[in-house]
Amino acid sequence: MVGRVFLDRIQNAIHHPAVDHPRVLTDRLWPRGLRKEALGDIQWYKEASPSTELRKVFHAGELDVPAFQIAYTKQLLSEASCLDPLLTLLNNGDITLLTATKDASTSYLSVLKAVLLDRATHRHNVKAP
C-alpha cells in the first residue's frame, strides 16, 4: 500500500516535534536564514524540485501557473529517476514534503505530490509476469 503525502512549510516543521514518517525539504535553493543544524531529522533532497531555468522564468512572469505546472510535470516525467528516493520513502509509508514558500499547498509541491502519487500507484499496481 502506498503512503500518503503531506505538504508543509519548513518553518512549521522545524518548530514542531518529529512525526512518525520522513520529512523532506525539496527546495532547490537553501531557505534564507535557516541553519542546516536546525533540520534535525529532516532530509534535504533538491533533485526533484523545479529546474533553475523553470523557476526563473516562472518568477519573471513568463509562465502563468497552469503553464508552470505543465512544464514542471514534463520535467519530472522526463527525469523520472529523480523521483526514486521519494518513491522509496512513499512506498514505505507516509511522507511530508517541505518548502520555504509561504503556502505549501499552492507551491510546486502540489505538482510533485500528484506525480509521486501517480507513479507510486502505477508501480504498486504493476504485476510481475
N, C-alpha and C. Protein backbone atom coordinates (compact mmCIF):
# COMPACT_ATOMS: atom_id res chain seq x y z
N MET A 1 0.84 -1.19 0.00
CA MET A 1 0.00 0.00 0.00
C MET A 1 0.88 1.25 0.00
N VAL A 2 0.50 2.20 -0.81
CA VAL A 2 1.24 3.45 -0.93
C VAL A 2 0.85 4.38 0.21
N GLY A 3 1.85 5.09 0.74
CA GLY A 3 1.60 6.02 1.82
C GLY A 3 0.92 7.30 1.34
N ARG A 4 0.69 8.18 2.28
CA ARG A 4 0.10 9.50 1.98
C ARG A 4 1.22 10.53 1.88
N VAL A 5 0.93 11.61 1.15
CA VAL A 5 1.90 12.71 1.01
C VAL A 5 1.29 13.95 1.63
N PHE A 6 1.99 14.51 2.60
CA PHE A 6 1.57 15.74 3.25
C PHE A 6 2.48 16.88 2.78
N LEU A 7 1.97 18.09 2.77
CA LEU A 7 2.73 19.27 2.37
C LEU A 7 2.78 20.25 3.53
N ASP A 8 3.95 20.86 3.74
CA ASP A 8 4.07 21.83 4.83
C ASP A 8 5.23 22.77 4.55
N ARG A 9 5.31 23.80 5.35
CA ARG A 9 6.43 24.75 5.28
C ARG A 9 7.55 24.26 6.18
N ILE A 10 8.78 24.47 5.73
CA ILE A 10 9.94 24.06 6.51
C ILE A 10 9.94 24.76 7.88
N GLN A 11 9.49 26.01 7.91
CA GLN A 11 9.46 26.75 9.16
C GLN A 11 8.53 26.08 10.18
N ASN A 12 7.41 25.56 9.72
CA ASN A 12 6.50 24.85 10.62
C ASN A 12 7.12 23.55 11.11
N ALA A 13 7.75 22.84 10.22
CA ALA A 13 8.32 21.53 10.56
C ALA A 13 9.44 21.65 11.59
N ILE A 14 10.24 22.69 11.47
CA ILE A 14 11.36 22.86 12.40
C ILE A 14 10.86 23.12 13.82
N HIS A 15 9.74 23.82 13.94
CA HIS A 15 9.24 24.18 15.27
C HIS A 15 8.27 23.17 15.86
N HIS A 16 8.05 22.07 15.15
CA HIS A 16 7.17 21.02 15.67
C HIS A 16 7.98 19.74 15.85
N PRO A 17 7.63 18.96 16.81
CA PRO A 17 8.38 17.72 17.03
C PRO A 17 8.29 16.79 15.82
N ALA A 18 9.26 15.93 15.72
CA ALA A 18 9.29 14.98 14.62
C ALA A 18 8.02 14.13 14.60
N VAL A 19 7.60 13.80 13.41
CA VAL A 19 6.44 12.93 13.22
C VAL A 19 6.94 11.51 12.99
N ASP A 20 6.02 10.60 12.81
CA ASP A 20 6.40 9.18 12.67
C ASP A 20 6.70 8.78 11.24
N HIS A 21 6.99 9.75 10.39
CA HIS A 21 7.34 9.45 9.00
C HIS A 21 8.38 10.47 8.50
N PRO A 22 9.04 10.16 7.39
CA PRO A 22 10.08 11.07 6.89
C PRO A 22 9.53 12.43 6.45
N ARG A 23 10.35 13.45 6.71
CA ARG A 23 10.05 14.80 6.25
C ARG A 23 11.21 15.23 5.35
N VAL A 24 10.86 15.76 4.17
CA VAL A 24 11.88 16.05 3.17
C VAL A 24 11.72 17.47 2.64
N LEU A 25 12.74 18.29 2.83
CA LEU A 25 12.80 19.62 2.23
C LEU A 25 13.18 19.42 0.77
N THR A 26 12.34 19.91 -0.15
CA THR A 26 12.57 19.64 -1.57
C THR A 26 12.91 20.90 -2.37
N ASP A 27 13.14 22.02 -1.72
CA ASP A 27 13.52 23.24 -2.43
C ASP A 27 14.92 23.10 -3.03
N ARG A 28 15.11 23.64 -4.22
CA ARG A 28 16.43 23.61 -4.87
C ARG A 28 17.40 24.53 -4.15
N LEU A 29 16.91 25.70 -3.72
CA LEU A 29 17.74 26.67 -3.02
C LEU A 29 17.57 26.52 -1.52
N TRP A 30 18.64 26.71 -0.80
CA TRP A 30 18.57 26.63 0.66
C TRP A 30 17.77 27.82 1.19
N PRO A 31 16.83 27.58 2.09
CA PRO A 31 16.00 28.68 2.63
C PRO A 31 16.83 29.73 3.37
N ARG A 32 16.58 30.97 3.07
CA ARG A 32 17.27 32.09 3.70
C ARG A 32 17.08 32.06 5.21
N GLY A 33 18.16 32.28 5.93
CA GLY A 33 18.10 32.39 7.37
C GLY A 33 17.97 31.08 8.13
N LEU A 34 18.05 29.97 7.44
CA LEU A 34 17.90 28.66 8.08
C LEU A 34 19.25 27.97 8.18
N ARG A 35 19.58 27.54 9.38
CA ARG A 35 20.84 26.82 9.59
C ARG A 35 20.60 25.34 9.37
N LYS A 36 21.54 24.68 8.74
CA LYS A 36 21.39 23.25 8.44
C LYS A 36 21.22 22.43 9.71
N GLU A 37 21.82 22.89 10.80
CA GLU A 37 21.69 22.17 12.07
C GLU A 37 20.25 22.17 12.58
N ALA A 38 19.45 23.14 12.12
CA ALA A 38 18.06 23.25 12.57
C ALA A 38 17.17 22.16 11.99
N LEU A 39 17.64 21.46 10.95
CA LEU A 39 16.81 20.46 10.29
C LEU A 39 16.50 19.26 11.17
N GLY A 40 17.42 18.87 12.04
CA GLY A 40 17.17 17.69 12.86
C GLY A 40 17.00 16.46 11.99
N ASP A 41 15.83 15.84 12.06
CA ASP A 41 15.56 14.61 11.29
C ASP A 41 15.09 14.88 9.86
N ILE A 42 15.00 16.13 9.46
CA ILE A 42 14.51 16.49 8.14
C ILE A 42 15.62 16.30 7.10
N GLN A 43 15.27 15.64 6.00
CA GLN A 43 16.21 15.42 4.90
C GLN A 43 16.09 16.55 3.89
N TRP A 44 17.17 16.83 3.17
CA TRP A 44 17.14 17.81 2.08
C TRP A 44 17.39 17.07 0.78
N TYR A 45 16.42 17.12 -0.13
CA TYR A 45 16.53 16.46 -1.42
C TYR A 45 16.05 17.43 -2.49
N LYS A 46 16.98 18.08 -3.14
CA LYS A 46 16.65 19.14 -4.10
C LYS A 46 16.51 18.66 -5.54
N GLU A 47 16.86 17.43 -5.83
CA GLU A 47 16.90 16.94 -7.21
C GLU A 47 15.52 16.87 -7.87
N ALA A 48 14.45 16.82 -7.10
CA ALA A 48 13.10 16.74 -7.67
C ALA A 48 12.39 18.09 -7.70
N SER A 49 13.11 19.15 -7.39
CA SER A 49 12.49 20.48 -7.43
C SER A 49 12.54 21.04 -8.85
N PRO A 50 11.78 22.10 -9.12
CA PRO A 50 11.83 22.69 -10.46
C PRO A 50 13.26 23.13 -10.81
N SER A 51 13.61 22.97 -12.08
CA SER A 51 14.95 23.37 -12.52
C SER A 51 15.15 24.86 -12.29
N THR A 52 16.40 25.26 -12.24
CA THR A 52 16.72 26.68 -12.06
C THR A 52 16.09 27.51 -13.17
N GLU A 53 16.19 27.03 -14.41
CA GLU A 53 15.61 27.76 -15.54
C GLU A 53 14.10 27.89 -15.42
N LEU A 54 13.43 26.82 -15.07
CA LEU A 54 11.97 26.85 -14.93
C LEU A 54 11.55 27.78 -13.79
N ARG A 55 12.26 27.71 -12.69
CA ARG A 55 11.98 28.59 -11.55
C ARG A 55 12.15 30.05 -11.94
N LYS A 56 13.21 30.37 -12.69
CA LYS A 56 13.47 31.76 -13.07
C LYS A 56 12.41 32.32 -14.02
N VAL A 57 12.02 31.52 -15.03
CA VAL A 57 11.00 32.05 -15.96
C VAL A 57 9.65 32.20 -15.28
N PHE A 58 9.36 31.33 -14.33
CA PHE A 58 8.10 31.45 -13.59
C PHE A 58 8.10 32.72 -12.74
N HIS A 59 9.18 32.94 -12.00
CA HIS A 59 9.25 34.12 -11.13
C HIS A 59 9.36 35.42 -11.93
N ALA A 60 9.83 35.34 -13.16
CA ALA A 60 9.89 36.53 -14.02
C ALA A 60 8.54 36.82 -14.66
N GLY A 61 7.56 35.95 -14.46
CA GLY A 61 6.24 36.16 -15.00
C GLY A 61 6.08 35.69 -16.43
N GLU A 62 7.05 34.94 -16.93
CA GLU A 62 6.99 34.46 -18.31
C GLU A 62 6.10 33.23 -18.45
N LEU A 63 5.77 32.61 -17.34
CA LEU A 63 4.85 31.46 -17.31
C LEU A 63 3.77 31.72 -16.29
N ASP A 64 2.51 31.44 -16.64
CA ASP A 64 1.45 31.51 -15.63
C ASP A 64 1.44 30.17 -14.87
N VAL A 65 0.62 30.07 -13.85
CA VAL A 65 0.60 28.88 -13.01
C VAL A 65 0.31 27.61 -13.80
N PRO A 66 -0.75 27.57 -14.64
CA PRO A 66 -1.00 26.34 -15.38
C PRO A 66 0.17 25.93 -16.29
N ALA A 67 0.79 26.90 -16.96
CA ALA A 67 1.93 26.60 -17.84
C ALA A 67 3.11 26.09 -17.02
N PHE A 68 3.33 26.67 -15.85
CA PHE A 68 4.40 26.20 -14.97
C PHE A 68 4.13 24.76 -14.53
N GLN A 69 2.90 24.48 -14.13
CA GLN A 69 2.57 23.13 -13.68
C GLN A 69 2.79 22.10 -14.78
N ILE A 70 2.43 22.45 -16.01
CA ILE A 70 2.64 21.54 -17.14
C ILE A 70 4.13 21.34 -17.39
N ALA A 71 4.89 22.43 -17.39
CA ALA A 71 6.34 22.35 -17.64
C ALA A 71 7.03 21.55 -16.54
N TYR A 72 6.63 21.76 -15.30
CA TYR A 72 7.25 21.04 -14.18
C TYR A 72 6.89 19.55 -14.23
N THR A 73 5.66 19.24 -14.57
CA THR A 73 5.26 17.84 -14.72
C THR A 73 6.10 17.17 -15.80
N LYS A 74 6.27 17.85 -16.92
CA LYS A 74 7.10 17.31 -18.01
C LYS A 74 8.54 17.09 -17.54
N GLN A 75 9.06 18.03 -16.76
CA GLN A 75 10.41 17.89 -16.22
C GLN A 75 10.51 16.64 -15.35
N LEU A 76 9.56 16.46 -14.46
CA LEU A 76 9.59 15.31 -13.56
C LEU A 76 9.48 13.99 -14.33
N LEU A 77 8.64 13.97 -15.35
CA LEU A 77 8.46 12.74 -16.12
C LEU A 77 9.65 12.45 -17.01
N SER A 78 10.33 13.49 -17.48
CA SER A 78 11.49 13.27 -18.35
C SER A 78 12.74 12.90 -17.55
N GLU A 79 12.76 13.25 -16.28
CA GLU A 79 13.88 12.92 -15.39
C GLU A 79 13.35 12.04 -14.27
N ALA A 80 12.66 10.97 -14.64
CA ALA A 80 11.92 10.15 -13.68
C ALA A 80 12.78 9.59 -12.56
N SER A 81 14.04 9.36 -12.81
CA SER A 81 14.90 8.78 -11.77
C SER A 81 15.07 9.73 -10.58
N CYS A 82 14.82 11.03 -10.79
CA CYS A 82 14.93 11.98 -9.67
C CYS A 82 13.85 11.71 -8.61
N LEU A 83 12.81 10.99 -9.00
CA LEU A 83 11.73 10.69 -8.05
C LEU A 83 12.01 9.44 -7.22
N ASP A 84 12.97 8.63 -7.65
CA ASP A 84 13.19 7.34 -7.00
C ASP A 84 13.37 7.40 -5.48
N PRO A 85 14.23 8.29 -4.95
CA PRO A 85 14.37 8.33 -3.48
C PRO A 85 13.06 8.68 -2.76
N LEU A 86 12.27 9.59 -3.35
CA LEU A 86 11.00 9.95 -2.74
C LEU A 86 9.99 8.81 -2.86
N LEU A 87 10.00 8.12 -4.00
CA LEU A 87 9.10 6.97 -4.19
C LEU A 87 9.44 5.85 -3.21
N THR A 88 10.71 5.64 -2.95
CA THR A 88 11.11 4.62 -1.98
C THR A 88 10.53 4.95 -0.61
N LEU A 89 10.64 6.21 -0.21
CA LEU A 89 10.06 6.63 1.08
C LEU A 89 8.55 6.44 1.08
N LEU A 90 7.91 6.85 -0.01
CA LEU A 90 6.45 6.78 -0.10
C LEU A 90 5.95 5.34 -0.12
N ASN A 91 6.69 4.46 -0.73
CA ASN A 91 6.29 3.05 -0.76
C ASN A 91 6.44 2.38 0.60
N ASN A 92 7.17 3.04 1.50
CA ASN A 92 7.33 2.52 2.86
C ASN A 92 6.38 3.17 3.86
N GLY A 93 5.58 4.14 3.40
CA GLY A 93 4.64 4.82 4.30
C GLY A 93 4.46 6.28 3.94
N ASP A 94 3.93 7.03 4.87
CA ASP A 94 3.66 8.46 4.66
C ASP A 94 4.95 9.26 4.59
N ILE A 95 4.90 10.40 3.88
CA ILE A 95 6.00 11.36 3.85
C ILE A 95 5.42 12.77 3.89
N THR A 96 6.23 13.71 4.36
CA THR A 96 5.86 15.12 4.30
C THR A 96 6.90 15.83 3.45
N LEU A 97 6.42 16.51 2.41
CA LEU A 97 7.28 17.32 1.55
C LEU A 97 7.26 18.75 2.08
N LEU A 98 8.43 19.35 2.19
CA LEU A 98 8.56 20.67 2.79
C LEU A 98 9.13 21.69 1.82
N THR A 99 8.70 22.94 1.99
CA THR A 99 9.19 24.05 1.19
C THR A 99 9.27 25.30 2.05
N ALA A 100 10.05 26.26 1.59
CA ALA A 100 10.13 27.54 2.30
C ALA A 100 9.12 28.55 1.78
N THR A 101 8.37 28.21 0.73
CA THR A 101 7.37 29.15 0.20
C THR A 101 6.28 29.40 1.23
N LYS A 102 5.57 30.50 1.07
CA LYS A 102 4.58 30.90 2.06
C LYS A 102 3.39 29.96 2.16
N ASP A 103 2.98 29.37 1.04
CA ASP A 103 1.83 28.48 1.05
C ASP A 103 2.20 27.18 0.34
N ALA A 104 2.51 26.18 1.10
CA ALA A 104 2.96 24.90 0.54
C ALA A 104 1.92 24.28 -0.37
N SER A 105 0.64 24.48 -0.06
CA SER A 105 -0.41 23.81 -0.83
C SER A 105 -0.58 24.40 -2.24
N THR A 106 -0.12 25.63 -2.46
CA THR A 106 -0.21 26.22 -3.80
C THR A 106 1.16 26.34 -4.46
N SER A 107 2.15 25.71 -3.90
CA SER A 107 3.50 25.77 -4.46
C SER A 107 3.71 24.61 -5.44
N TYR A 108 4.93 24.48 -5.92
CA TYR A 108 5.28 23.38 -6.81
C TYR A 108 5.06 22.02 -6.15
N LEU A 109 4.97 21.99 -4.82
CA LEU A 109 4.79 20.73 -4.11
C LEU A 109 3.50 20.02 -4.49
N SER A 110 2.46 20.77 -4.87
CA SER A 110 1.22 20.12 -5.26
C SER A 110 1.41 19.30 -6.54
N VAL A 111 2.25 19.80 -7.45
CA VAL A 111 2.57 19.07 -8.68
C VAL A 111 3.42 17.85 -8.34
N LEU A 112 4.44 18.05 -7.52
CA LEU A 112 5.32 16.95 -7.11
C LEU A 112 4.51 15.86 -6.42
N LYS A 113 3.61 16.25 -5.56
CA LYS A 113 2.75 15.29 -4.86
C LYS A 113 1.93 14.47 -5.84
N ALA A 114 1.29 15.13 -6.79
CA ALA A 114 0.44 14.44 -7.77
C ALA A 114 1.25 13.45 -8.60
N VAL A 115 2.42 13.87 -9.05
CA VAL A 115 3.26 12.98 -9.86
C VAL A 115 3.75 11.80 -9.02
N LEU A 116 4.17 12.07 -7.79
CA LEU A 116 4.62 10.98 -6.91
C LEU A 116 3.52 9.96 -6.67
N LEU A 117 2.33 10.44 -6.34
CA LEU A 117 1.22 9.51 -6.06
C LEU A 117 0.84 8.72 -7.30
N ASP A 118 0.87 9.39 -8.46
CA ASP A 118 0.56 8.69 -9.70
C ASP A 118 1.60 7.61 -9.98
N ARG A 119 2.87 7.95 -9.86
CA ARG A 119 3.94 6.98 -10.11
C ARG A 119 3.91 5.85 -9.09
N ALA A 120 3.69 6.18 -7.82
CA ALA A 120 3.66 5.15 -6.77
C ALA A 120 2.50 4.20 -6.97
N THR A 121 1.34 4.73 -7.31
CA THR A 121 0.16 3.91 -7.54
C THR A 121 0.36 3.03 -8.76
N HIS A 122 0.93 3.61 -9.81
CA HIS A 122 1.18 2.84 -11.04
C HIS A 122 2.17 1.71 -10.77
N ARG A 123 3.25 2.02 -10.06
CA ARG A 123 4.26 1.00 -9.73
C ARG A 123 3.65 -0.10 -8.86
N HIS A 124 2.80 0.33 -7.92
CA HIS A 124 2.22 -0.62 -6.97
C HIS A 124 1.26 -1.58 -7.66
N ASN A 125 0.61 -1.11 -8.72
CA ASN A 125 -0.38 -1.94 -9.41
C ASN A 125 0.22 -2.79 -10.52
N VAL A 126 1.50 -2.62 -10.83
CA VAL A 126 2.13 -3.42 -11.88
C VAL A 126 2.39 -4.82 -11.33
N LYS A 127 1.92 -5.81 -12.05
CA LYS A 127 2.10 -7.18 -11.60
C LYS A 127 3.27 -7.82 -12.33
N ALA A 128 4.00 -8.62 -11.62
CA ALA A 128 5.13 -9.32 -12.22
C ALA A 128 4.63 -10.34 -13.23
N PRO A 129 5.38 -10.57 -14.33
CA PRO A 129 4.93 -11.53 -15.34
C PRO A 129 4.97 -12.96 -14.82
